[in-house]
Amino acid sequence: MRSAISATLIRQIADALNARGAPTARGGRWHPMTVRNALARAQRALQVRNETRAGSEKVDRLFR
C-alpha cells in the first residue's frame, strides 16, 4: 500500500486500538503491520467497489 500515512501514525493507531481493548479479527493485539494490512485491504475494497459502480453505470447508459 502506497500511502501518506507515516509509520509513526500507524504505530499510534495500533497503540490506541490496544488501549481500547479492541481485538483483531483473530482476537489478538494490534501491531503496526496488522493496522497497515487492514488499511490496505480497506483501500482495495473501495477501489473494487468504485470500479464496479463505474462499470455498472456504463452498462446502464447503454440501455437507456
N, C-alpha and C. Protein backbone atom coordinates (compact mmCIF):
# COMPACT_ATOMS: atom_id res chain seq x y z
N MET A 1 0.85 -1.18 0.00
CA MET A 1 0.00 0.00 0.00
C MET A 1 0.88 1.23 0.00
N ARG A 2 0.72 2.06 -0.98
CA ARG A 2 1.45 3.32 -1.02
C ARG A 2 0.54 4.38 -0.43
N SER A 3 1.03 5.04 0.59
CA SER A 3 0.16 5.98 1.27
C SER A 3 0.99 7.07 1.95
N ALA A 4 0.31 8.14 2.28
CA ALA A 4 0.96 9.23 3.00
C ALA A 4 0.94 8.99 4.50
N ILE A 5 0.38 7.87 4.93
CA ILE A 5 0.32 7.57 6.36
C ILE A 5 1.70 7.15 6.83
N SER A 6 2.20 7.82 7.84
CA SER A 6 3.55 7.55 8.33
C SER A 6 3.57 6.32 9.24
N ALA A 7 4.74 5.76 9.39
CA ALA A 7 4.91 4.61 10.29
C ALA A 7 4.55 5.01 11.72
N THR A 8 4.85 6.24 12.08
CA THR A 8 4.52 6.71 13.43
C THR A 8 3.01 6.73 13.65
N LEU A 9 2.27 7.22 12.67
CA LEU A 9 0.82 7.26 12.79
C LEU A 9 0.24 5.85 12.87
N ILE A 10 0.75 4.96 12.05
CA ILE A 10 0.26 3.57 12.08
C ILE A 10 0.53 2.95 13.46
N ARG A 11 1.69 3.22 14.02
CA ARG A 11 2.02 2.72 15.36
C ARG A 11 1.07 3.31 16.40
N GLN A 12 0.75 4.60 16.27
CA GLN A 12 -0.18 5.24 17.20
C GLN A 12 -1.58 4.65 17.09
N ILE A 13 -2.01 4.32 15.88
CA ILE A 13 -3.32 3.69 15.69
C ILE A 13 -3.33 2.33 16.39
N ALA A 14 -2.27 1.54 16.20
CA ALA A 14 -2.18 0.23 16.85
C ALA A 14 -2.23 0.38 18.37
N ASP A 15 -1.48 1.34 18.90
CA ASP A 15 -1.47 1.58 20.35
C ASP A 15 -2.85 1.98 20.86
N ALA A 16 -3.55 2.84 20.09
CA ALA A 16 -4.88 3.29 20.51
C ALA A 16 -5.88 2.13 20.50
N LEU A 17 -5.81 1.29 19.48
CA LEU A 17 -6.72 0.14 19.42
C LEU A 17 -6.46 -0.81 20.59
N ASN A 18 -5.20 -1.04 20.91
CA ASN A 18 -4.86 -1.90 22.04
C ASN A 18 -5.30 -1.29 23.36
N ALA A 19 -5.15 0.02 23.51
CA ALA A 19 -5.56 0.71 24.74
C ALA A 19 -7.07 0.60 24.96
N ARG A 20 -7.82 0.58 23.86
CA ARG A 20 -9.28 0.44 23.96
C ARG A 20 -9.72 -1.01 24.14
N GLY A 21 -8.77 -1.93 24.01
CA GLY A 21 -9.11 -3.34 24.14
C GLY A 21 -9.78 -3.92 22.91
N ALA A 22 -9.62 -3.26 21.77
CA ALA A 22 -10.23 -3.73 20.52
C ALA A 22 -9.40 -4.90 19.98
N PRO A 23 -10.00 -6.07 19.85
CA PRO A 23 -9.24 -7.21 19.34
C PRO A 23 -9.15 -7.18 17.81
N THR A 24 -8.14 -7.84 17.28
CA THR A 24 -8.06 -8.02 15.83
C THR A 24 -9.11 -9.04 15.43
N ALA A 25 -9.23 -9.31 14.15
CA ALA A 25 -10.21 -10.28 13.66
C ALA A 25 -9.96 -11.67 14.27
N ARG A 26 -8.72 -11.96 14.60
CA ARG A 26 -8.38 -13.26 15.19
C ARG A 26 -8.29 -13.21 16.72
N GLY A 27 -8.67 -12.07 17.28
CA GLY A 27 -8.71 -11.94 18.73
C GLY A 27 -7.40 -11.53 19.38
N GLY A 28 -6.43 -11.14 18.57
CA GLY A 28 -5.12 -10.77 19.13
C GLY A 28 -4.97 -9.28 19.33
N ARG A 29 -3.73 -8.89 19.58
CA ARG A 29 -3.40 -7.48 19.76
C ARG A 29 -3.03 -6.88 18.42
N TRP A 30 -3.18 -5.56 18.34
CA TRP A 30 -2.84 -4.83 17.12
C TRP A 30 -1.34 -4.54 17.09
N HIS A 31 -0.74 -4.74 15.95
CA HIS A 31 0.66 -4.39 15.68
C HIS A 31 0.64 -3.45 14.48
N PRO A 32 1.67 -2.65 14.31
CA PRO A 32 1.68 -1.73 13.17
C PRO A 32 1.43 -2.44 11.83
N MET A 33 2.00 -3.60 11.63
CA MET A 33 1.80 -4.32 10.37
C MET A 33 0.35 -4.77 10.22
N THR A 34 -0.30 -5.12 11.33
CA THR A 34 -1.70 -5.51 11.29
C THR A 34 -2.57 -4.33 10.85
N VAL A 35 -2.27 -3.16 11.39
CA VAL A 35 -3.01 -1.95 11.01
C VAL A 35 -2.77 -1.64 9.53
N ARG A 36 -1.51 -1.69 9.11
CA ARG A 36 -1.18 -1.41 7.71
C ARG A 36 -1.92 -2.37 6.77
N ASN A 37 -1.94 -3.65 7.12
CA ASN A 37 -2.62 -4.63 6.29
C ASN A 37 -4.13 -4.38 6.24
N ALA A 38 -4.71 -4.03 7.38
CA ALA A 38 -6.15 -3.74 7.42
C ALA A 38 -6.49 -2.52 6.57
N LEU A 39 -5.65 -1.49 6.63
CA LEU A 39 -5.88 -0.30 5.81
C LEU A 39 -5.73 -0.62 4.32
N ALA A 40 -4.76 -1.45 3.99
CA ALA A 40 -4.56 -1.83 2.59
C ALA A 40 -5.75 -2.62 2.06
N ARG A 41 -6.29 -3.53 2.88
CA ARG A 41 -7.47 -4.30 2.47
C ARG A 41 -8.66 -3.38 2.25
N ALA A 42 -8.84 -2.43 3.15
CA ALA A 42 -9.96 -1.48 3.02
C ALA A 42 -9.81 -0.64 1.76
N GLN A 43 -8.58 -0.22 1.47
CA GLN A 43 -8.34 0.57 0.27
C GLN A 43 -8.65 -0.23 -0.99
N ARG A 44 -8.22 -1.50 -1.03
CA ARG A 44 -8.51 -2.35 -2.20
C ARG A 44 -10.01 -2.58 -2.35
N ALA A 45 -10.71 -2.77 -1.24
CA ALA A 45 -12.17 -2.99 -1.30
C ALA A 45 -12.87 -1.76 -1.86
N LEU A 46 -12.43 -0.57 -1.48
CA LEU A 46 -13.02 0.66 -2.02
C LEU A 46 -12.75 0.80 -3.51
N GLN A 47 -11.55 0.43 -3.93
CA GLN A 47 -11.23 0.51 -5.36
C GLN A 47 -12.11 -0.43 -6.16
N VAL A 48 -12.29 -1.64 -5.68
CA VAL A 48 -13.14 -2.61 -6.38
C VAL A 48 -14.58 -2.10 -6.43
N ARG A 49 -15.07 -1.59 -5.31
CA ARG A 49 -16.44 -1.07 -5.28
C ARG A 49 -16.61 0.08 -6.27
N ASN A 50 -15.65 0.99 -6.30
CA ASN A 50 -15.75 2.13 -7.21
C ASN A 50 -15.65 1.69 -8.67
N GLU A 51 -14.79 0.72 -8.96
CA GLU A 51 -14.66 0.22 -10.32
C GLU A 51 -15.94 -0.51 -10.74
N THR A 52 -16.52 -1.26 -9.83
CA THR A 52 -17.77 -1.97 -10.12
C THR A 52 -18.90 -0.99 -10.37
N ARG A 53 -18.98 0.04 -9.54
CA ARG A 53 -20.01 1.06 -9.70
C ARG A 53 -19.86 1.77 -11.03
N ALA A 54 -18.62 2.13 -11.37
CA ALA A 54 -18.38 2.83 -12.64
C ALA A 54 -18.75 1.93 -13.81
N GLY A 55 -18.44 0.64 -13.72
CA GLY A 55 -18.78 -0.30 -14.79
C GLY A 55 -20.27 -0.47 -14.94
N SER A 56 -21.01 -0.55 -13.84
CA SER A 56 -22.46 -0.73 -13.93
C SER A 56 -23.14 0.53 -14.46
N GLU A 57 -22.57 1.71 -14.17
CA GLU A 57 -23.13 2.95 -14.71
C GLU A 57 -22.96 2.99 -16.22
N LYS A 58 -21.85 2.49 -16.73
CA LYS A 58 -21.63 2.44 -18.17
C LYS A 58 -22.65 1.50 -18.82
N VAL A 59 -22.91 0.39 -18.20
CA VAL A 59 -23.89 -0.57 -18.73
C VAL A 59 -25.28 0.06 -18.71
N ASP A 60 -25.61 0.75 -17.62
CA ASP A 60 -26.93 1.40 -17.53
C ASP A 60 -27.11 2.41 -18.66
N ARG A 61 -26.08 3.17 -18.99
CA ARG A 61 -26.18 4.17 -20.05
C ARG A 61 -26.41 3.51 -21.41
N LEU A 62 -25.87 2.31 -21.60
CA LEU A 62 -26.06 1.62 -22.87
C LEU A 62 -27.52 1.27 -23.10
N PHE A 63 -28.26 1.03 -22.02
CA PHE A 63 -29.64 0.56 -22.15
C PHE A 63 -30.68 1.64 -21.87
N ARG A 64 -30.28 2.88 -21.91
CA ARG A 64 -31.24 3.98 -21.71
C ARG A 64 -31.87 4.35 -23.01
